[in-house]
Amino acid sequence: MFDIAPSEMMLVALVAIIFIGPKDLPRVMRFVGQWVGKGRTMARHFRTAMDDMVREAELHEMEAKWKAENERIMREHADLLSGTASPMAQIPPPEPAAERPPESQHAIENQPASPAEPQRPA
């Protein structure tokens, strides 16, 4: 993240030992570690709050789209909801079946009801 080279880290450690002293260095490092931990915690809370805000904005946008689509569908099918038109009136009637020749009807009548049932002589 900060791209600190090992030689730079050694220079910082040497300066800290000289100015702070080896006796107080562990206490200072613990203090710095606590502040870094608090900073990370605050950053995590901030990031979570921002993610929640984005998610909520997306949810409101999707709800607006769904509401608009629902209103469009309700306008298109208002006659079905008001009861003025029958839903069955919009279905086209079935096409008439083609007539079979008499010999094929006779063959169908003489076939067994199911393939597992053997045919008995009449």
N, C-alpha and C. Protein backbone atom coordinates (compact mmCIF):
# COMPACT_ATOMS: atom_id res chain seq x y z
N MET A 1 0.82 -1.19 0.00
CA MET A 1 0.00 0.00 0.00
C MET A 1 0.87 1.25 0.00
N PHE A 2 1.83 1.33 0.92
CA PHE A 2 2.69 2.51 0.97
C PHE A 2 4.00 2.29 0.21
N ASP A 3 4.30 1.06 -0.12
CA ASP A 3 5.51 0.72 -0.88
C ASP A 3 6.76 1.21 -0.17
N ILE A 4 6.99 0.68 1.02
CA ILE A 4 8.19 1.03 1.80
C ILE A 4 9.21 -0.08 1.58
N ALA A 5 10.38 0.30 1.14
CA ALA A 5 11.45 -0.66 0.89
C ALA A 5 12.07 -1.09 2.22
N PRO A 6 12.70 -2.28 2.27
CA PRO A 6 13.33 -2.73 3.52
C PRO A 6 14.43 -1.77 4.02
N SER A 7 15.16 -1.16 3.10
CA SER A 7 16.20 -0.22 3.53
C SER A 7 15.58 1.02 4.19
N GLU A 8 14.44 1.49 3.69
CA GLU A 8 13.75 2.62 4.31
C GLU A 8 13.21 2.25 5.68
N MET A 9 12.72 1.02 5.83
CA MET A 9 12.21 0.55 7.11
C MET A 9 13.33 0.47 8.14
N MET A 10 14.52 0.04 7.72
CA MET A 10 15.69 -0.02 8.62
C MET A 10 16.08 1.39 9.07
N LEU A 11 16.02 2.37 8.16
CA LEU A 11 16.36 3.75 8.49
C LEU A 11 15.36 4.33 9.51
N VAL A 12 14.06 4.04 9.34
CA VAL A 12 13.05 4.50 10.28
C VAL A 12 13.27 3.86 11.65
N ALA A 13 13.58 2.56 11.69
CA ALA A 13 13.83 1.86 12.95
C ALA A 13 15.06 2.44 13.65
N LEU A 14 16.12 2.72 12.92
CA LEU A 14 17.34 3.29 13.50
C LEU A 14 17.06 4.68 14.09
N VAL A 15 16.33 5.52 13.37
CA VAL A 15 15.98 6.85 13.86
C VAL A 15 15.10 6.74 15.11
N ALA A 16 14.14 5.77 15.12
CA ALA A 16 13.27 5.60 16.28
C ALA A 16 14.08 5.16 17.49
N ILE A 17 15.05 4.28 17.32
CA ILE A 17 15.87 3.82 18.45
C ILE A 17 16.71 4.98 18.99
N ILE A 18 17.24 5.80 18.11
CA ILE A 18 18.10 6.91 18.55
C ILE A 18 17.28 7.96 19.28
N PHE A 19 16.14 8.41 18.72
CA PHE A 19 15.39 9.51 19.32
C PHE A 19 14.47 9.07 20.45
N ILE A 20 13.85 7.90 20.33
CA ILE A 20 12.91 7.44 21.37
C ILE A 20 13.68 6.69 22.45
N GLY A 21 14.61 5.90 22.04
CA GLY A 21 15.38 5.10 23.00
C GLY A 21 14.83 3.69 23.07
N PRO A 22 15.72 2.74 23.32
CA PRO A 22 15.28 1.34 23.36
C PRO A 22 14.35 1.04 24.53
N LYS A 23 14.41 1.85 25.59
CA LYS A 23 13.58 1.61 26.76
C LYS A 23 12.10 1.94 26.48
N ASP A 24 11.82 3.04 25.80
CA ASP A 24 10.44 3.47 25.54
C ASP A 24 9.90 2.99 24.19
N LEU A 25 10.74 2.36 23.36
CA LEU A 25 10.31 1.95 22.01
C LEU A 25 9.13 0.97 22.03
N PRO A 26 9.09 -0.08 22.89
CA PRO A 26 7.93 -0.99 22.88
C PRO A 26 6.62 -0.27 23.22
N ARG A 27 6.65 0.67 24.16
CA ARG A 27 5.45 1.40 24.53
C ARG A 27 4.97 2.27 23.36
N VAL A 28 5.89 2.92 22.66
CA VAL A 28 5.54 3.76 21.52
C VAL A 28 4.99 2.90 20.38
N MET A 29 5.60 1.76 20.14
CA MET A 29 5.13 0.87 19.06
C MET A 29 3.72 0.35 19.37
N ARG A 30 3.45 0.02 20.63
CA ARG A 30 2.11 -0.42 21.02
C ARG A 30 1.10 0.71 20.79
N PHE A 31 1.48 1.94 21.17
CA PHE A 31 0.61 3.11 20.98
C PHE A 31 0.32 3.33 19.49
N VAL A 32 1.36 3.25 18.66
CA VAL A 32 1.18 3.43 17.21
C VAL A 32 0.31 2.31 16.65
N GLY A 33 0.51 1.08 17.12
CA GLY A 33 -0.30 -0.05 16.66
C GLY A 33 -1.77 0.12 17.00
N GLN A 34 -2.05 0.66 18.19
CA GLN A 34 -3.44 0.89 18.58
C GLN A 34 -4.09 1.94 17.68
N TRP A 35 -3.35 3.01 17.37
CA TRP A 35 -3.90 4.05 16.50
C TRP A 35 -4.12 3.52 15.07
N VAL A 36 -3.20 2.69 14.60
CA VAL A 36 -3.38 2.09 13.26
C VAL A 36 -4.62 1.19 13.26
N GLY A 37 -4.80 0.42 14.33
CA GLY A 37 -5.98 -0.44 14.44
C GLY A 37 -7.27 0.37 14.46
N LYS A 38 -7.28 1.48 15.20
CA LYS A 38 -8.46 2.34 15.24
C LYS A 38 -8.74 2.94 13.86
N GLY A 39 -7.67 3.33 13.17
CA GLY A 39 -7.85 3.88 11.82
C GLY A 39 -8.43 2.86 10.86
N ARG A 40 -7.96 1.62 10.95
CA ARG A 40 -8.50 0.56 10.09
C ARG A 40 -9.97 0.28 10.41
N THR A 41 -10.30 0.29 11.70
CA THR A 41 -11.68 0.07 12.11
C THR A 41 -12.59 1.17 11.56
N MET A 42 -12.14 2.41 11.67
CA MET A 42 -12.94 3.53 11.15
C MET A 42 -13.10 3.42 9.64
N ALA A 43 -12.03 3.03 8.93
CA ALA A 43 -12.11 2.88 7.48
C ALA A 43 -13.08 1.77 7.10
N ARG A 44 -13.06 0.67 7.87
CA ARG A 44 -13.98 -0.43 7.58
C ARG A 44 -15.43 0.01 7.80
N HIS A 45 -15.70 0.74 8.90
CA HIS A 45 -17.06 1.24 9.16
C HIS A 45 -17.51 2.20 8.05
N PHE A 46 -16.60 3.05 7.62
CA PHE A 46 -16.92 4.00 6.56
C PHE A 46 -17.26 3.26 5.27
N ARG A 47 -16.43 2.27 4.93
CA ARG A 47 -16.66 1.49 3.71
C ARG A 47 -17.99 0.74 3.78
N THR A 48 -18.30 0.17 4.95
CA THR A 48 -19.57 -0.55 5.12
C THR A 48 -20.75 0.40 4.96
N ALA A 49 -20.64 1.60 5.55
CA ALA A 49 -21.73 2.57 5.43
C ALA A 49 -21.92 3.00 3.98
N MET A 50 -20.83 3.21 3.26
CA MET A 50 -20.93 3.59 1.85
C MET A 50 -21.57 2.46 1.02
N ASP A 51 -21.17 1.22 1.29
CA ASP A 51 -21.75 0.09 0.57
C ASP A 51 -23.25 -0.01 0.84
N ASP A 52 -23.65 0.23 2.09
CA ASP A 52 -25.07 0.19 2.43
C ASP A 52 -25.85 1.29 1.70
N MET A 53 -25.26 2.47 1.62
CA MET A 53 -25.92 3.57 0.92
C MET A 53 -26.08 3.26 -0.56
N VAL A 54 -25.05 2.69 -1.17
CA VAL A 54 -25.12 2.33 -2.59
C VAL A 54 -26.19 1.26 -2.81
N ARG A 55 -26.19 0.26 -1.94
CA ARG A 55 -27.18 -0.82 -2.06
C ARG A 55 -28.59 -0.28 -1.91
N GLU A 56 -28.80 0.66 -0.97
CA GLU A 56 -30.12 1.24 -0.77
C GLU A 56 -30.55 2.08 -1.98
N ALA A 57 -29.61 2.83 -2.56
CA ALA A 57 -29.93 3.63 -3.75
C ALA A 57 -30.30 2.71 -4.92
N GLU A 58 -29.58 1.60 -5.08
CA GLU A 58 -29.90 0.65 -6.15
C GLU A 58 -31.28 0.04 -5.92
N LEU A 59 -31.60 -0.25 -4.66
CA LEU A 59 -32.90 -0.83 -4.34
C LEU A 59 -34.03 0.15 -4.68
N HIS A 60 -33.85 1.42 -4.34
CA HIS A 60 -34.87 2.42 -4.67
C HIS A 60 -35.02 2.55 -6.19
N GLU A 61 -33.92 2.50 -6.91
CA GLU A 61 -33.98 2.59 -8.37
C GLU A 61 -34.74 1.40 -8.96
N MET A 62 -34.45 0.19 -8.44
CA MET A 62 -35.15 -0.99 -8.94
C MET A 62 -36.64 -0.93 -8.60
N GLU A 63 -36.98 -0.45 -7.40
CA GLU A 63 -38.39 -0.33 -7.04
C GLU A 63 -39.12 0.65 -7.96
N ALA A 64 -38.44 1.74 -8.33
CA ALA A 64 -39.06 2.71 -9.25
C ALA A 64 -39.30 2.08 -10.62
N LYS A 65 -38.33 1.29 -11.10
CA LYS A 65 -38.49 0.61 -12.39
C LYS A 65 -39.64 -0.39 -12.32
N TRP A 66 -39.71 -1.16 -11.22
CA TRP A 66 -40.79 -2.15 -11.08
C TRP A 66 -42.14 -1.47 -11.02
N LYS A 67 -42.22 -0.34 -10.32
CA LYS A 67 -43.48 0.38 -10.22
C LYS A 67 -43.91 0.89 -11.60
N ALA A 68 -42.96 1.43 -12.37
CA ALA A 68 -43.29 1.92 -13.71
C ALA A 68 -43.74 0.78 -14.61
N GLU A 69 -43.05 -0.36 -14.53
CA GLU A 69 -43.44 -1.52 -15.35
C GLU A 69 -44.81 -2.04 -14.93
N ASN A 70 -45.08 -2.07 -13.64
CA ASN A 70 -46.38 -2.52 -13.15
C ASN A 70 -47.49 -1.60 -13.64
N GLU A 71 -47.25 -0.30 -13.59
CA GLU A 71 -48.26 0.65 -14.08
C GLU A 71 -48.50 0.49 -15.57
N ARG A 72 -47.43 0.23 -16.33
CA ARG A 72 -47.58 0.02 -17.77
C ARG A 72 -48.42 -1.23 -18.05
N ILE A 73 -48.16 -2.30 -17.33
CA ILE A 73 -48.92 -3.54 -17.51
C ILE A 73 -50.37 -3.33 -17.12
N MET A 74 -50.60 -2.60 -16.02
CA MET A 74 -51.97 -2.35 -15.58
C MET A 74 -52.73 -1.52 -16.61
N ARG A 75 -52.07 -0.56 -17.25
CA ARG A 75 -52.74 0.25 -18.29
C ARG A 75 -53.07 -0.62 -19.50
N GLU A 76 -52.14 -1.49 -19.90
CA GLU A 76 -52.37 -2.33 -21.09
C GLU A 76 -53.51 -3.32 -20.88
N HIS A 77 -53.66 -3.79 -19.66
CA HIS A 77 -54.65 -4.83 -19.39
C HIS A 77 -55.76 -4.32 -18.47
N ALA A 78 -56.09 -3.06 -18.58
CA ALA A 78 -57.13 -2.48 -17.73
C ALA A 78 -58.49 -3.09 -18.03
N ASP A 79 -58.75 -3.46 -19.29
CA ASP A 79 -60.04 -4.05 -19.64
C ASP A 79 -60.24 -5.41 -18.97
N LEU A 80 -59.16 -6.17 -18.76
CA LEU A 80 -59.29 -7.46 -18.08
C LEU A 80 -59.59 -7.25 -16.61
N LEU A 81 -59.00 -6.24 -16.01
CA LEU A 81 -59.20 -6.00 -14.59
C LEU A 81 -60.56 -5.40 -14.30
N SER A 82 -61.10 -4.61 -15.22
CA SER A 82 -62.39 -3.98 -14.98
C SER A 82 -63.55 -4.95 -15.23
N GLY A 83 -63.29 -6.06 -15.88
CA GLY A 83 -64.33 -7.05 -16.14
C GLY A 83 -65.10 -6.81 -17.41
N THR A 84 -64.68 -5.86 -18.24
CA THR A 84 -65.42 -5.59 -19.47
C THR A 84 -65.11 -6.62 -20.55
N ALA A 85 -63.94 -7.19 -20.51
CA ALA A 85 -63.57 -8.19 -21.52
C ALA A 85 -63.28 -9.50 -20.81
N SER A 86 -63.69 -10.56 -21.43
CA SER A 86 -63.44 -11.88 -20.87
C SER A 86 -62.05 -12.35 -21.30
N PRO A 87 -61.28 -12.94 -20.40
CA PRO A 87 -59.96 -13.45 -20.81
C PRO A 87 -60.07 -14.53 -21.87
N MET A 88 -61.18 -15.28 -21.85
CA MET A 88 -61.35 -16.34 -22.83
C MET A 88 -61.69 -15.79 -24.21
N ALA A 89 -62.20 -14.56 -24.26
CA ALA A 89 -62.56 -13.97 -25.54
C ALA A 89 -61.32 -13.66 -26.38
N GLN A 90 -60.18 -13.51 -25.73
CA GLN A 90 -58.97 -13.19 -26.46
C GLN A 90 -58.26 -14.43 -27.00
N ILE A 91 -58.66 -15.62 -26.55
CA ILE A 91 -58.04 -16.86 -27.03
C ILE A 91 -58.72 -17.27 -28.32
N PRO A 92 -57.94 -17.50 -29.39
CA PRO A 92 -58.56 -17.90 -30.66
C PRO A 92 -59.14 -19.31 -30.56
N PRO A 93 -60.21 -19.59 -31.32
CA PRO A 93 -60.80 -20.93 -31.27
C PRO A 93 -59.84 -21.94 -31.90
N PRO A 94 -59.92 -23.21 -31.49
CA PRO A 94 -59.03 -24.22 -32.07
C PRO A 94 -59.39 -24.50 -33.52
N GLU A 95 -58.40 -24.91 -34.26
CA GLU A 95 -58.63 -25.25 -35.68
C GLU A 95 -59.32 -26.61 -35.75
N PRO A 96 -60.21 -26.81 -36.74
CA PRO A 96 -60.88 -28.11 -36.84
C PRO A 96 -59.88 -29.20 -37.24
N ALA A 97 -60.08 -30.39 -36.67
CA ALA A 97 -59.18 -31.51 -36.96
C ALA A 97 -59.47 -32.03 -38.36
N ALA A 98 -58.43 -32.47 -39.05
CA ALA A 98 -58.60 -33.04 -40.39
C ALA A 98 -59.27 -34.41 -40.26
N GLU A 99 -60.16 -34.71 -41.22
CA GLU A 99 -60.86 -35.98 -41.15
C GLU A 99 -59.95 -37.10 -41.64
N ARG A 100 -60.07 -38.26 -40.96
CA ARG A 100 -59.27 -39.42 -41.34
C ARG A 100 -60.07 -40.26 -42.35
N PRO A 101 -59.34 -40.97 -43.19
CA PRO A 101 -60.05 -41.90 -44.09
C PRO A 101 -60.67 -43.05 -43.28
N PRO A 102 -61.74 -43.65 -43.74
CA PRO A 102 -62.43 -44.69 -42.98
C PRO A 102 -61.54 -45.87 -42.61
N GLU A 103 -60.61 -46.28 -43.49
CA GLU A 103 -59.79 -47.44 -43.16
C GLU A 103 -58.84 -47.16 -42.00
N SER A 104 -58.36 -45.93 -41.86
CA SER A 104 -57.46 -45.64 -40.76
C SER A 104 -58.25 -45.58 -39.45
N GLN A 105 -59.52 -45.15 -39.49
CA GLN A 105 -60.33 -45.15 -38.27
C GLN A 105 -60.58 -46.58 -37.83
N HIS A 106 -60.81 -47.50 -38.78
CA HIS A 106 -61.05 -48.89 -38.46
C HIS A 106 -59.79 -49.50 -37.83
N ALA A 107 -58.60 -49.15 -38.35
CA ALA A 107 -57.36 -49.70 -37.82
C ALA A 107 -57.12 -49.18 -36.40
N ILE A 108 -57.50 -47.97 -36.14
CA ILE A 108 -57.30 -47.40 -34.80
C ILE A 108 -58.24 -48.07 -33.81
N GLU A 109 -59.48 -48.38 -34.24
CA GLU A 109 -60.44 -49.00 -33.35
C GLU A 109 -60.01 -50.42 -32.98
N ASN A 110 -59.31 -51.13 -33.85
CA ASN A 110 -58.92 -52.51 -33.60
C ASN A 110 -57.59 -52.63 -32.85
N GLN A 111 -56.91 -51.54 -32.60
CA GLN A 111 -55.65 -51.61 -31.87
C GLN A 111 -55.94 -51.78 -30.39
N PRO A 112 -55.00 -52.44 -29.65
CA PRO A 112 -55.21 -52.59 -28.21
C PRO A 112 -55.14 -51.22 -27.52
N ALA A 113 -55.76 -51.15 -26.34
CA ALA A 113 -55.83 -49.90 -25.61
C ALA A 113 -54.44 -49.46 -25.14
N SER A 114 -53.61 -50.41 -24.75
CA SER A 114 -52.25 -50.07 -24.34
C SER A 114 -51.28 -51.06 -24.96
N PRO A 115 -50.04 -50.70 -25.20
CA PRO A 115 -49.09 -51.60 -25.84
C PRO A 115 -48.76 -52.80 -24.96
N ALA A 116 -48.92 -52.71 -23.66
CA ALA A 116 -48.59 -53.83 -22.78
C ALA A 116 -49.70 -54.91 -22.81
N GLU A 117 -50.91 -54.53 -23.20
CA GLU A 117 -52.02 -55.47 -23.22
C GLU A 117 -52.01 -56.27 -24.51
N PRO A 118 -52.01 -57.59 -24.43
CA PRO A 118 -52.01 -58.39 -25.67
C PRO A 118 -53.37 -58.30 -26.35
N GLN A 119 -53.34 -58.42 -27.69
CA GLN A 119 -54.58 -58.35 -28.46
C GLN A 119 -55.22 -59.74 -28.49
N ARG A 120 -56.52 -59.80 -28.16
CA ARG A 120 -57.25 -61.07 -28.16
C ARG A 120 -58.05 -61.19 -29.44
N PRO A 121 -58.15 -62.35 -29.96
CA PRO A 121 -58.95 -62.51 -31.19
C PRO A 121 -60.43 -62.27 -30.87
N ALA A 122 -61.13 -61.70 -31.83
CA ALA A 122 -62.54 -61.35 -31.61
C ALA A 122 -63.47 -62.47 -31.94
